[in-house]
PDB file of N, CA and C in Angstrom:
ATOM      1  N   MET A   1      -0.273  17.959 -50.809  1.00  0.00           N
ATOM      2  CA  MET A   1      -1.139  17.243 -49.911  1.00  0.00           C
ATOM      3  C   MET A   1      -1.872  16.161 -50.698  1.00  0.00           C
ATOM      4  N   ASP A   2      -1.907  14.961 -50.166  1.00  0.00           N
ATOM      5  CA  ASP A   2      -2.564  13.845 -50.836  1.00  0.00           C
ATOM      6  C   ASP A   2      -3.997  13.739 -50.332  1.00  0.00           C
ATOM      7  N   THR A   3      -4.943  14.227 -51.114  1.00  0.00           N
ATOM      8  CA  THR A   3      -6.350  14.157 -50.746  1.00  0.00           C
ATOM      9  C   THR A   3      -7.070  13.254 -51.723  1.00  0.00           C
ATOM     10  N   LEU A   4      -8.300  12.890 -51.373  1.00  0.00           N
ATOM     11  CA  LEU A   4      -9.113  12.108 -52.310  1.00  0.00           C
ATOM     12  C   LEU A   4      -9.245  12.844 -53.633  1.00  0.00           C
ATOM     13  N   ALA A   5      -9.383  14.161 -53.555  1.00  0.00           N
ATOM     14  CA  ALA A   5      -9.533  14.932 -54.789  1.00  0.00           C
ATOM     15  C   ALA A   5      -8.282  14.819 -55.649  1.00  0.00           C
ATOM     16  N   SER A   6      -7.104  14.858 -55.020  1.00  0.00           N
ATOM     17  CA  SER A   6      -5.880  14.786 -55.816  1.00  0.00           C
ATOM     18  C   SER A   6      -5.661  13.391 -56.372  1.00  0.00           C
ATOM     19  N   ARG A   7      -6.358  12.386 -55.826  1.00  0.00           N
ATOM     20  CA  ARG A   7      -6.238  11.024 -56.344  1.00  0.00           C
ATOM     21  C   ARG A   7      -7.396  10.672 -57.269  1.00  0.00           C
ATOM     22  N   GLY A   8      -8.149  11.656 -57.717  1.00  0.00           N
ATOM     23  CA  GLY A   8      -9.159  11.408 -58.734  1.00  0.00           C
ATOM     24  C   GLY A   8     -10.572  11.199 -58.234  1.00  0.00           C
ATOM     25  N   ALA A   9     -10.847  11.440 -56.945  1.00  0.00           N
ATOM     26  CA  ALA A   9     -12.198  11.243 -56.430  1.00  0.00           C
ATOM     27  C   ALA A   9     -13.077  12.455 -56.694  1.00  0.00           C
ATOM     28  N   GLY A  10     -12.645  13.337 -57.534  1.00  0.00           N
ATOM     29  CA  GLY A  10     -13.433  14.513 -57.877  1.00  0.00           C
ATOM     30  C   GLY A  10     -12.635  15.771 -57.618  1.00  0.00           C
ATOM     31  N   PRO A  11     -13.002  16.849 -58.279  1.00  0.00           N
ATOM     32  CA  PRO A  11     -12.293  18.114 -58.089  1.00  0.00           C
ATOM     33  C   PRO A  11     -12.578  18.691 -56.706  1.00  0.00           C
ATOM     34  N   GLU A  12     -11.613  19.427 -56.172  1.00  0.00           N
ATOM     35  CA  GLU A  12     -11.829  20.031 -54.864  1.00  0.00           C
ATOM     36  C   GLU A  12     -12.864  21.144 -54.954  1.00  0.00           C
ATOM     37  N   LEU A  13     -13.713  21.161 -53.951  1.00  0.00           N
ATOM     38  CA  LEU A  13     -14.743  22.184 -53.825  1.00  0.00           C
ATOM     39  C   LEU A  13     -14.461  23.015 -52.586  1.00  0.00           C
ATOM     40  N   HIS A  14     -14.760  24.282 -52.655  1.00  0.00           N
ATOM     41  CA  HIS A  14     -14.885  25.121 -51.466  1.00  0.00           C
ATOM     42  C   HIS A  14     -16.375  25.075 -51.161  1.00  0.00           C
ATOM     43  N   TYR A  15     -16.735  24.877 -49.910  1.00  0.00           N
ATOM     44  CA  TYR A  15     -18.139  24.672 -49.601  1.00  0.00           C
ATOM     45  C   TYR A  15     -18.494  25.332 -48.279  1.00  0.00           C
ATOM     46  N   THR A  16     -19.544  26.123 -48.265  1.00  0.00           N
ATOM     47  CA  THR A  16     -20.028  26.696 -47.014  1.00  0.00           C
ATOM     48  C   THR A  16     -21.462  26.246 -46.772  1.00  0.00           C
ATOM     49  N   VAL A  17     -21.760  26.040 -45.516  1.00  0.00           N
ATOM     50  CA  VAL A  17     -23.122  25.710 -45.094  1.00  0.00           C
ATOM     51  C   VAL A  17     -23.469  26.667 -43.962  1.00  0.00           C
ATOM     52  N   GLU A  18     -24.626  27.273 -44.091  1.00  0.00           N
ATOM     53  CA  GLU A  18     -25.066  28.235 -43.092  1.00  0.00           C
ATOM     54  C   GLU A  18     -26.480  27.881 -42.672  1.00  0.00           C
ATOM     55  N   LEU A  19     -26.707  27.868 -41.366  1.00  0.00           N
ATOM     56  CA  LEU A  19     -28.034  27.625 -40.807  1.00  0.00           C
ATOM     57  C   LEU A  19     -28.405  28.826 -39.949  1.00  0.00           C
ATOM     58  N   ARG A  20     -29.620  29.275 -40.102  1.00  0.00           N
ATOM     59  CA  ARG A  20     -30.096  30.342 -39.221  1.00  0.00           C
ATOM     60  C   ARG A  20     -31.562  30.100 -38.915  1.00  0.00           C
ATOM     61  N   TRP A  21     -31.961  30.542 -37.744  1.00  0.00           N
ATOM     62  CA  TRP A  21     -33.376  30.470 -37.398  1.00  0.00           C
ATOM     63  C   TRP A  21     -34.114  31.417 -38.332  1.00  0.00           C
ATOM     64  N   ARG A  22     -35.281  31.029 -38.766  1.00  0.00           N
ATOM     65  CA  ARG A  22     -36.023  31.836 -39.739  1.00  0.00           C
ATOM     66  C   ARG A  22     -36.265  33.256 -39.237  1.00  0.00           C
ATOM     67  N   THR A  23     -36.401  33.409 -37.950  1.00  0.00           N
ATOM     68  CA  THR A  23     -36.710  34.727 -37.383  1.00  0.00           C
ATOM     69  C   THR A  23     -35.469  35.543 -37.031  1.00  0.00           C
ATOM     70  N   GLU A  24     -34.283  35.001 -37.274  1.00  0.00           N
ATOM     71  CA  GLU A  24     -33.043  35.688 -36.903  1.00  0.00           C
ATOM     72  C   GLU A  24     -32.232  36.059 -38.141  1.00  0.00           C
ATOM     73  N   PRO A  25     -31.577  37.216 -38.122  1.00  0.00           N
ATOM     74  CA  PRO A  25     -30.779  37.624 -39.287  1.00  0.00           C
ATOM     75  C   PRO A  25     -29.400  36.964 -39.359  1.00  0.00           C
ATOM     76  N   ARG A  26     -28.877  36.505 -38.222  1.00  0.00           N
ATOM     77  CA  ARG A  26     -27.523  35.940 -38.196  1.00  0.00           C
ATOM     78  C   ARG A  26     -27.554  34.419 -38.098  1.00  0.00           C
ATOM     79  N   ALA A  27     -26.542  33.811 -38.677  1.00  0.00           N
ATOM     80  CA  ALA A  27     -26.427  32.347 -38.641  1.00  0.00           C
ATOM     81  C   ALA A  27     -26.114  31.879 -37.224  1.00  0.00           C
ATOM     82  N   TRP A  28     -26.698  30.755 -36.829  1.00  0.00           N
ATOM     83  CA  TRP A  28     -26.328  30.136 -35.565  1.00  0.00           C
ATOM     84  C   TRP A  28     -25.380  28.968 -35.810  1.00  0.00           C
ATOM     85  N   TRP A  29     -25.223  28.590 -37.058  1.00  0.00           N
ATOM     86  CA  TRP A  29     -24.269  27.542 -37.408  1.00  0.00           C
ATOM     87  C   TRP A  29     -23.711  27.869 -38.785  1.00  0.00           C
ATOM     88  N   LYS A  30     -22.379  27.901 -38.897  1.00  0.00           N
ATOM     89  CA  LYS A  30     -21.759  28.195 -40.184  1.00  0.00           C
ATOM     90  C   LYS A  30     -20.477  27.374 -40.292  1.00  0.00           C
ATOM     91  N   THR A  31     -20.366  26.624 -41.382  1.00  0.00           N
ATOM     92  CA  THR A  31     -19.169  25.810 -41.600  1.00  0.00           C
ATOM     93  C   THR A  31     -18.611  26.097 -42.984  1.00  0.00           C
ATOM     94  N   ARG A  32     -17.320  25.852 -43.096  1.00  0.00           N
ATOM     95  CA  ARG A  32     -16.659  25.999 -44.396  1.00  0.00           C
ATOM     96  C   ARG A  32     -15.773  24.778 -44.592  1.00  0.00           C
ATOM     97  N   HIS A  33     -15.851  24.191 -45.770  1.00  0.00           N
ATOM     98  CA  HIS A  33     -15.117  22.963 -46.064  1.00  0.00           C
ATOM     99  C   HIS A  33     -14.353  23.109 -47.373  1.00  0.00           C
ATOM    100  N   LEU A  34     -13.285  22.338 -47.490  1.00  0.00           N
ATOM    101  CA  LEU A  34     -12.521  22.244 -48.721  1.00  0.00           C
ATOM    102  C   LEU A  34     -12.207  20.778 -48.936  1.00  0.00           C
ATOM    103  N   GLY A  35     -12.613  20.229 -50.081  1.00  0.00           N
ATOM    104  CA  GLY A  35     -12.330  18.826 -50.363  1.00  0.00           C
ATOM    105  C   GLY A  35     -13.090  18.345 -51.576  1.00  0.00           C
ATOM    106  N   SER A  36     -13.024  17.054 -51.783  1.00  0.00           N
ATOM    107  CA  SER A  36     -13.750  16.438 -52.891  1.00  0.00           C
ATOM    108  C   SER A  36     -15.240  16.396 -52.551  1.00  0.00           C
ATOM    109  N   PRO A  37     -16.105  16.162 -53.537  1.00  0.00           N
ATOM    110  CA  PRO A  37     -17.528  16.015 -53.240  1.00  0.00           C
ATOM    111  C   PRO A  37     -17.796  14.919 -52.199  1.00  0.00           C
ATOM    112  N   ILE A  38     -17.018  13.845 -52.223  1.00  0.00           N
ATOM    113  CA  ILE A  38     -17.206  12.768 -51.242  1.00  0.00           C
ATOM    114  C   ILE A  38     -16.860  13.263 -49.839  1.00  0.00           C
ATOM    115  N   GLN A  39     -15.797  14.043 -49.717  1.00  0.00           N
ATOM    116  CA  GLN A  39     -15.425  14.589 -48.415  1.00  0.00           C
ATOM    117  C   GLN A  39     -16.465  15.587 -47.916  1.00  0.00           C
ATOM    118  N   ILE A  40     -16.986  16.403 -48.805  1.00  0.00           N
ATOM    119  CA  ILE A  40     -18.023  17.364 -48.418  1.00  0.00           C
ATOM    120  C   ILE A  40     -19.277  16.617 -47.980  1.00  0.00           C
ATOM    121  N   ALA A  41     -19.628  15.549 -48.680  1.00  0.00           N
ATOM    122  CA  ALA A  41     -20.788  14.736 -48.300  1.00  0.00           C
ATOM    123  C   ALA A  41     -20.613  14.180 -46.890  1.00  0.00           C
ATOM    124  N   ALA A  42     -19.424  13.699 -46.575  1.00  0.00           N
ATOM    125  CA  ALA A  42     -19.155  13.184 -45.227  1.00  0.00           C
ATOM    126  C   ALA A  42     -19.299  14.293 -44.186  1.00  0.00           C
ATOM    127  N   ALA A  43     -18.851  15.493 -44.530  1.00  0.00           N
ATOM    128  CA  ALA A  43     -18.982  16.626 -43.613  1.00  0.00           C
ATOM    129  C   ALA A  43     -20.452  16.976 -43.378  1.00  0.00           C
ATOM    130  N   LEU A  44     -21.282  16.874 -44.406  1.00  0.00           N
ATOM    131  CA  LEU A  44     -22.719  17.138 -44.239  1.00  0.00           C
ATOM    132  C   LEU A  44     -23.356  16.085 -43.341  1.00  0.00           C
ATOM    133  N   ASP A  45     -22.966  14.823 -43.519  1.00  0.00           N
ATOM    134  CA  ASP A  45     -23.482  13.765 -42.641  1.00  0.00           C
ATOM    135  C   ASP A  45     -23.064  14.015 -41.193  1.00  0.00           C
ATOM    136  N   GLU A  46     -21.839  14.461 -40.999  1.00  0.00           N
ATOM    137  CA  GLU A  46     -21.357  14.773 -39.647  1.00  0.00           C
ATOM    138  C   GLU A  46     -22.094  15.979 -39.072  1.00  0.00           C
ATOM    139  N   LEU A  47     -22.435  16.932 -39.911  1.00  0.00           N
ATOM    140  CA  LEU A  47     -23.160  18.113 -39.451  1.00  0.00           C
ATOM    141  C   LEU A  47     -24.510  17.731 -38.843  1.00  0.00           C
ATOM    142  N   VAL A  48     -25.145  16.696 -39.373  1.00  0.00           N
ATOM    143  CA  VAL A  48     -26.413  16.214 -38.800  1.00  0.00           C
ATOM    144  C   VAL A  48     -26.211  15.866 -37.324  1.00  0.00           C
ATOM    145  N   VAL A  49     -25.136  15.153 -37.024  1.00  0.00           N
ATOM    146  CA  VAL A  49     -24.849  14.747 -35.646  1.00  0.00           C
ATOM    147  C   VAL A  49     -24.549  15.966 -34.781  1.00  0.00           C
ATOM    148  N   ARG A  50     -23.725  16.858 -35.289  1.00  0.00           N
ATOM    149  CA  ARG A  50     -23.342  18.037 -34.509  1.00  0.00           C
ATOM    150  C   ARG A  50     -24.542  18.938 -34.204  1.00  0.00           C
ATOM    151  N   VAL A  51     -25.402  19.130 -35.180  1.00  0.00           N
ATOM    152  CA  VAL A  51     -26.589  19.954 -34.957  1.00  0.00           C
ATOM    153  C   VAL A  51     -27.501  19.285 -33.931  1.00  0.00           C
ATOM    154  N   HIS A  52     -27.635  17.974 -34.020  1.00  0.00           N
ATOM    155  CA  HIS A  52     -28.468  17.230 -33.059  1.00  0.00           C
ATOM    156  C   HIS A  52     -27.977  17.448 -31.623  1.00  0.00           C
ATOM    157  N   LEU A  53     -26.666  17.561 -31.443  1.00  0.00           N
ATOM    158  CA  LEU A  53     -26.084  17.732 -30.113  1.00  0.00           C
ATOM    159  C   LEU A  53     -26.066  19.185 -29.640  1.00  0.00           C
ATOM    160  N   ASP A  54     -26.417  20.120 -30.489  1.00  0.00           N
ATOM    161  CA  ASP A  54     -26.370  21.542 -30.158  1.00  0.00           C
ATOM    162  C   ASP A  54     -27.467  21.879 -29.145  1.00  0.00           C
ATOM    163  N   PRO A  55     -27.110  22.470 -28.004  1.00  0.00           N
ATOM    164  CA  PRO A  55     -28.126  22.824 -27.004  1.00  0.00           C
ATOM    165  C   PRO A  55     -29.198  23.773 -27.543  1.00  0.00           C
ATOM    166  N   ALA A  56     -28.849  24.631 -28.487  1.00  0.00           N
ATOM    167  CA  ALA A  56     -29.842  25.554 -29.052  1.00  0.00           C
ATOM    168  C   ALA A  56     -30.943  24.794 -29.779  1.00  0.00           C
ATOM    169  N   VAL A  57     -30.596  23.660 -30.374  1.00  0.00           N
ATOM    170  CA  VAL A  57     -31.591  22.847 -31.081  1.00  0.00           C
ATOM    171  C   VAL A  57     -32.556  22.223 -30.080  1.00  0.00           C
ATOM    172  N   ALA A  58     -32.023  21.698 -28.985  1.00  0.00           N
ATOM    173  CA  ALA A  58     -32.886  21.106 -27.960  1.00  0.00           C
ATOM    174  C   ALA A  58     -33.856  22.145 -27.415  1.00  0.00           C
ATOM    175  N   GLN A  59     -33.363  23.341 -27.169  1.00  0.00           N
ATOM    176  CA  GLN A  59     -34.217  24.414 -26.670  1.00  0.00           C
ATOM    177  C   GLN A  59     -35.281  24.787 -27.704  1.00  0.00           C
ATOM    178  N   ALA A  60     -34.895  24.887 -28.959  1.00  0.00           N
ATOM    179  CA  ALA A  60     -35.846  25.242 -30.017  1.00  0.00           C
ATOM    180  C   ALA A  60     -36.917  24.170 -30.170  1.00  0.00           C
ATOM    181  N   CYS A  61     -36.535  22.910 -30.053  1.00  0.00           N
ATOM    182  CA  CYS A  61     -37.502  21.817 -30.199  1.00  0.00           C
ATOM    183  C   CYS A  61     -38.563  21.867 -29.106  1.00  0.00           C
ATOM    184  N   ARG A  62     -38.173  22.313 -27.916  1.00  0.00           N
ATOM    185  CA  ARG A  62     -39.145  22.417 -26.821  1.00  0.00           C
ATOM    186  C   ARG A  62     -40.163  23.520 -27.080  1.00  0.00           C
ATOM    187  N   SER A  63     -39.799  24.497 -27.902  1.00  0.00           N
ATOM    188  CA  SER A  63     -40.699  25.627 -28.132  1.00  0.00           C
ATOM    189  C   SER A  63     -41.701  25.381 -29.254  1.00  0.00           C
ATOM    190  N   GLY A  64     -41.645  24.220 -29.883  1.00  0.00           N
ATOM    191  CA  GLY A  64     -42.623  23.901 -30.923  1.00  0.00           C
ATOM    192  C   GLY A  64     -42.006  23.790 -32.296  1.00  0.00           C
ATOM    193  N   ALA A  65     -42.842  23.965 -33.315  1.00  0.00           N
ATOM    194  CA  ALA A  65     -42.401  23.834 -34.708  1.00  0.00           C
ATOM    195  C   ALA A  65     -41.533  25.035 -35.081  1.00  0.00           C
ATOM    196  N   VAL A  66     -40.264  24.770 -35.296  1.00  0.00           N
ATOM    197  CA  VAL A  66     -39.302  25.824 -35.605  1.00  0.00           C
ATOM    198  C   VAL A  66     -38.804  25.641 -37.029  1.00  0.00           C
ATOM    199  N   GLN A  67     -38.627  26.744 -37.725  1.00  0.00           N
ATOM    200  CA  GLN A  67     -38.090  26.676 -39.082  1.00  0.00           C
ATOM    201  C   GLN A  67     -36.678  27.247 -39.114  1.00  0.00           C
ATOM    202  N   VAL A  68     -35.861  26.653 -39.982  1.00  0.00           N
ATOM    203  CA  VAL A  68     -34.497  27.129 -40.179  1.00  0.00           C
ATOM    204  C   VAL A  68     -34.285  27.432 -41.654  1.00  0.00           C
ATOM    205  N   CYS A  69     -33.432  28.395 -41.910  1.00  0.00           N
ATOM    206  CA  CYS A  69     -33.018  28.698 -43.276  1.00  0.00           C
ATOM    207  C   CYS A  69     -31.693  27.993 -43.501  1.00  0.00           C
ATOM    208  N   TYR A  70     -31.645  27.216 -44.558  1.00  0.00           N
ATOM    209  CA  TYR A  70     -30.485  26.402 -44.896  1.00  0.00           C
ATOM    210  C   TYR A  70     -29.900  26.944 -46.189  1.00  0.00           C
ATOM    211  N   ARG A  71     -28.611  27.251 -46.159  1.00  0.00           N
ATOM    212  CA  ARG A  71     -27.947  27.763 -47.362  1.00  0.00           C
ATOM    213  C   ARG A  71     -26.630  27.025 -47.520  1.00  0.00           C
ATOM    214  N   ALA A  72     -26.438  26.456 -48.688  1.00  0.00           N
ATOM    215  CA  ALA A  72     -25.190  25.760 -49.007  1.00  0.00           C
ATOM    216  C   ALA A  72     -24.693  26.274 -50.353  1.00  0.00           C
ATOM    217  N   VAL A  73     -23.414  26.594 -50.406  1.00  0.00           N
ATOM    218  CA  VAL A  73     -22.819  27.097 -51.642  1.00  0.00           C
ATOM    219  C   VAL A  73     -21.500  26.367 -51.872  1.00  0.00           C
ATOM    220  N   GLY A  74     -21.347  25.848 -53.083  1.00  0.00           N
ATOM    221  CA  GLY A  74     -20.102  25.197 -53.466  1.00  0.00           C
ATOM    222  C   GLY A  74     -19.506  25.903 -54.667  1.00  0.00           C
ATOM    223  N   TRP A  75     -18.201  26.092 -54.654  1.00  0.00           N
ATOM    224  CA  TRP A  75     -17.563  26.748 -55.795  1.00  0.00           C
ATOM    225  C   TRP A  75     -16.190  26.142 -56.075  1.00  0.00           C
ATOM    226  N   GLN A  76     -15.807  26.267 -57.330  1.00  0.00           N
ATOM    227  CA  GLN A  76     -14.497  25.848 -57.816  1.00  0.00           C
ATOM    228  C   GLN A  76     -13.962  26.957 -58.707  1.00  0.00           C
ATOM    229  N   ASN A  77     -12.691  27.224 -58.587  1.00  0.00           N
ATOM    230  CA  ASN A  77     -12.061  28.238 -59.449  1.00  0.00           C
ATOM    231  C   ASN A  77     -12.860  29.543 -59.472  1.00  0.00           C
ATOM    232  N   HIS A  78     -13.320  29.978 -58.316  1.00  0.00           N
ATOM    233  CA  HIS A  78     -14.055  31.240 -58.159  1.00  0.00           C
ATOM    234  C   HIS A  78     -15.402  31.253 -58.890  1.00  0.00           C
ATOM    235  N   GLU A  79     -15.942  30.098 -59.216  1.00  0.00           N
ATOM    236  CA  GLU A  79     -17.241  30.007 -59.890  1.00  0.00           C
ATOM    237  C   GLU A  79     -18.174  29.124 -59.060  1.00  0.00           C
ATOM    238  N   ILE A  80     -19.382  29.619 -58.804  1.00  0.00           N
ATOM    239  CA  ILE A  80     -20.360  28.833 -58.049  1.00  0.00           C
ATOM    240  C   ILE A  80     -20.819  27.669 -58.918  1.00  0.00           C
ATOM    241  N   VAL A  81     -20.679  26.458 -58.380  1.00  0.00           N
ATOM    242  CA  VAL A  81     -21.088  25.268 -59.121  1.00  0.00           C
ATOM    243  C   VAL A  81     -22.328  24.624 -58.515  1.00  0.00           C
ATOM    244  N   GLU A  82     -22.660  25.012 -57.288  1.00  0.00           N
ATOM    245  CA  GLU A  82     -23.878  24.502 -56.661  1.00  0.00           C
ATOM    246  C   GLU A  82     -24.316  25.475 -55.588  1.00  0.00           C
ATOM    247  N   GLN A  83     -25.627  25.685 -55.510  1.00  0.00           N
ATOM    248  CA  GLN A  83     -26.168  26.564 -54.485  1.00  0.00           C
ATOM    249  C   GLN A  83     -27.560  26.088 -54.122  1.00  0.00           C
ATOM    250  N   ARG A  84     -27.801  25.981 -52.831  1.00  0.00           N
ATOM    251  CA  ARG A  84     -29.125  25.592 -52.335  1.00  0.00           C
ATOM    252  C   ARG A  84     -29.509  26.531 -51.206  1.00  0.00           C
ATOM    253  N   THR A  85     -30.722  26.997 -51.268  1.00  0.00           N
ATOM    254  CA  THR A  85     -31.270  27.831 -50.208  1.00  0.00           C
ATOM    255  C   THR A  85     -32.713  27.416 -50.011  1.00  0.00           C
ATOM    256  N   GLU A  86     -33.052  27.071 -48.786  1.00  0.00           N
ATOM    257  CA  GLU A  86     -34.442  26.717 -48.506  1.00  0.00           C
ATOM    258  C   GLU A  86     -34.748  26.941 -47.038  1.00  0.00           C
ATOM    259  N   THR A  87     -36.012  27.152 -46.756  1.00  0.00           N
ATOM    260  CA  THR A  87     -36.495  27.255 -45.391  1.00  0.00           C
ATOM    261  C   THR A  87     -37.271  25.981 -45.105  1.00  0.00           C
ATOM    262  N   ILE A  88     -36.862  25.310 -44.030  1.00  0.00           N
ATOM    263  CA  ILE A  88     -37.435  23.999 -43.712  1.00  0.00           C
ATOM    264  C   ILE A  88     -37.703  23.901 -42.218  1.00  0.00           C
ATOM    265  N   GLY A  89     -38.517  22.938 -41.853  1.00  0.00           N
ATOM    266  CA  GLY A  89     -38.729  22.651 -40.448  1.00  0.00           C
ATOM    267  C   GLY A  89     -37.464  22.061 -39.844  1.00  0.00           C
ATOM    268  N   LEU A  90     -37.183  22.412 -38.612  1.00  0.00           N
ATOM    269  CA  LEU A  90     -35.986  21.905 -37.941  1.00  0.00           C
ATOM    270  C   LEU A  90     -35.952  20.381 -37.935  1.00  0.00           C
ATOM    271  N   THR A  91     -37.107  19.754 -37.793  1.00  0.00           N
ATOM    272  CA  THR A  91     -37.145  18.287 -37.776  1.00  0.00           C
ATOM    273  C   THR A  91     -36.835  17.688 -39.143  1.00  0.00           C
ATOM    274  N   ASP A  92     -36.949  18.481 -40.209  1.00  0.00           N
ATOM    275  CA  ASP A  92     -36.625  18.004 -41.560  1.00  0.00           C
ATOM    276  C   ASP A  92     -35.155  18.197 -41.925  1.00  0.00           C
ATOM    277  N   LEU A  93     -34.418  18.940 -41.117  1.00  0.00           N
ATOM    278  CA  LEU A  93     -33.030  19.258 -41.446  1.00  0.00           C
ATOM    279  C   LEU A  93     -32.155  18.018 -41.654  1.00  0.00           C
ATOM    280  N   PRO A  94     -32.218  16.994 -40.789  1.00  0.00           N
ATOM    281  CA  PRO A  94     -31.384  15.811 -41.038  1.00  0.00           C
ATOM    282  C   PRO A  94     -31.650  15.172 -42.400  1.00  0.00           C
ATOM    283  N   THR A  95     -32.908  15.065 -42.784  1.00  0.00           N
ATOM    284  CA  THR A  95     -33.254  14.471 -44.078  1.00  0.00           C
ATOM    285  C   THR A  95     -32.691  15.305 -45.224  1.00  0.00           C
ATOM    286  N   VAL A  96     -32.808  16.614 -45.122  1.00  0.00           N
ATOM    287  CA  VAL A  96     -32.303  17.505 -46.171  1.00  0.00           C
ATOM    288  C   VAL A  96     -30.784  17.396 -46.286  1.00  0.00           C
ATOM    289  N   LEU A  97     -30.083  17.401 -45.152  1.00  0.00           N
ATOM    290  CA  LEU A  97     -28.619  17.302 -45.181  1.00  0.00           C
ATOM    291  C   LEU A  97     -28.159  15.955 -45.734  1.00  0.00           C
ATOM    292  N   HIS A  98     -28.803  14.861 -45.303  1.00  0.00           N
ATOM    293  CA  HIS A  98     -28.436  13.536 -45.821  1.00  0.00           C
ATOM    294  C   HIS A  98     -28.723  13.436 -47.320  1.00  0.00           C
ATOM    295  N   SER A  99     -29.826  14.009 -47.771  1.00  0.00           N
ATOM    296  CA  SER A  99     -30.165  13.993 -49.194  1.00  0.00           C
ATOM    297  C   SER A  99     -29.138  14.788 -50.002  1.00  0.00           C
ATOM    298  N   HIS A 100     -28.752  15.926 -49.473  1.00  0.00           N
ATOM    299  CA  HIS A 100     -27.751  16.752 -50.141  1.00  0.00           C
ATOM    300  C   HIS A 100     -26.417  15.995 -50.219  1.00  0.00           C
ATOM    301  N   ALA A 101     -26.056  15.303 -49.145  1.00  0.00           N
ATOM    302  CA  ALA A 101     -24.827  14.495 -49.138  1.00  0.00           C
ATOM    303  C   ALA A 101     -24.898  13.396 -50.195  1.00  0.00           C
ATOM    304  N   ALA A 102     -26.051  12.753 -50.310  1.00  0.00           N
ATOM    305  CA  ALA A 102     -26.223  11.696 -51.320  1.00  0.00           C
ATOM    306  C   ALA A 102     -26.071  12.265 -52.731  1.00  0.00           C
ATOM    307  N   ASP A 103     -26.601  13.465 -52.957  1.00  0.00           N
ATOM    308  CA  ASP A 103     -26.454  14.109 -54.271  1.00  0.00           C
ATOM    309  C   ASP A 103     -24.984  14.376 -54.594  1.00  0.00           C
ATOM    310  N   LEU A 104     -24.222  14.811 -53.601  1.00  0.00           N
ATOM    311  CA  LEU A 104     -22.793  15.065 -53.821  1.00  0.00           C
ATOM    312  C   LEU A 104     -22.041  13.765 -54.126  1.00  0.00           C
ATOM    313  N   ARG A 105     -22.411  12.681 -53.438  1.00  0.00           N
ATOM    314  CA  ARG A 105     -21.770  11.392 -53.723  1.00  0.00           C
ATOM    315  C   ARG A 105     -22.092  10.930 -55.145  1.00  0.00           C
ATOM    316  N   GLU A 106     -23.331  11.150 -55.554  1.00  0.00           N
ATOM    317  CA  GLU A 106     -23.721  10.785 -56.918  1.00  0.00           C
ATOM    318  C   GLU A 106     -22.943  11.624 -57.932  1.00  0.00           C
ATOM    319  N   MET A 107     -22.770  12.909 -57.643  1.00  0.00           N
ATOM    320  CA  MET A 107     -21.998  13.777 -58.525  1.00  0.00           C
ATOM    321  C   MET A 107     -20.562  13.250 -58.651  1.00  0.00           C
ATOM    322  N   ALA A 108     -19.989  12.825 -57.546  1.00  0.00           N
ATOM    323  CA  ALA A 108     -18.618  12.304 -57.566  1.00  0.00           C
ATOM    324  C   ALA A 108     -18.536  11.028 -58.387  1.00  0.00           C
ATOM    325  N   THR A 109     -19.559  10.185 -58.285  1.00  0.00           N
ATOM    326  CA  THR A 109     -19.586   8.932 -59.044  1.00  0.00           C
ATOM    327  C   THR A 109     -19.693   9.213 -60.538  1.00  0.00           C
ATOM    328  N   MET A 110     -20.544  10.170 -60.907  1.00  0.00           N
ATOM    329  CA  MET A 110     -20.727  10.506 -62.317  1.00  0.00           C
ATOM    330  C   MET A 110     -19.473  11.152 -62.902  1.00  0.00           C
ATOM    331  N   ASN A 111     -18.766  11.934 -62.077  1.00  0.00           N
ATOM    332  CA  ASN A 111     -17.560  12.618 -62.549  1.00  0.00           C
ATOM    333  C   ASN A 111     -16.302  11.787 -62.361  1.00  0.00           C
ATOM    334  N   GLY A 112     -16.451  10.660 -61.616  1.00  0.00           N
ATOM    335  CA  GLY A 112     -15.303   9.837 -61.235  1.00  0.00           C
ATOM    336  C   GLY A 112     -14.654   9.159 -62.346  1.00  0.00           C
TER     337      GLY A 112
END
């Protein structure tokens, strides 16, 4: 398969992102990706749009200040190379995801 990673845009990462309401034990959003850091960054940017369109988010926003637990894990060759876990306000989630995407793009540039 000809991917950006196979053409030198960075090593392929396995990447999971999990979102859950702070008060709930189970994730309400969980994604898994495989690709270069640039591809994963694009997926995080797309996740901002998808979460914005999620009816559960609209309902939560009507109920006031809601917090979400954000967990992202990236690994290569069965070794964790990046992990982020934080609890943030739902309104801050787009900024956090875009910032994380920018960090991955920078990593790809440095390793490129």
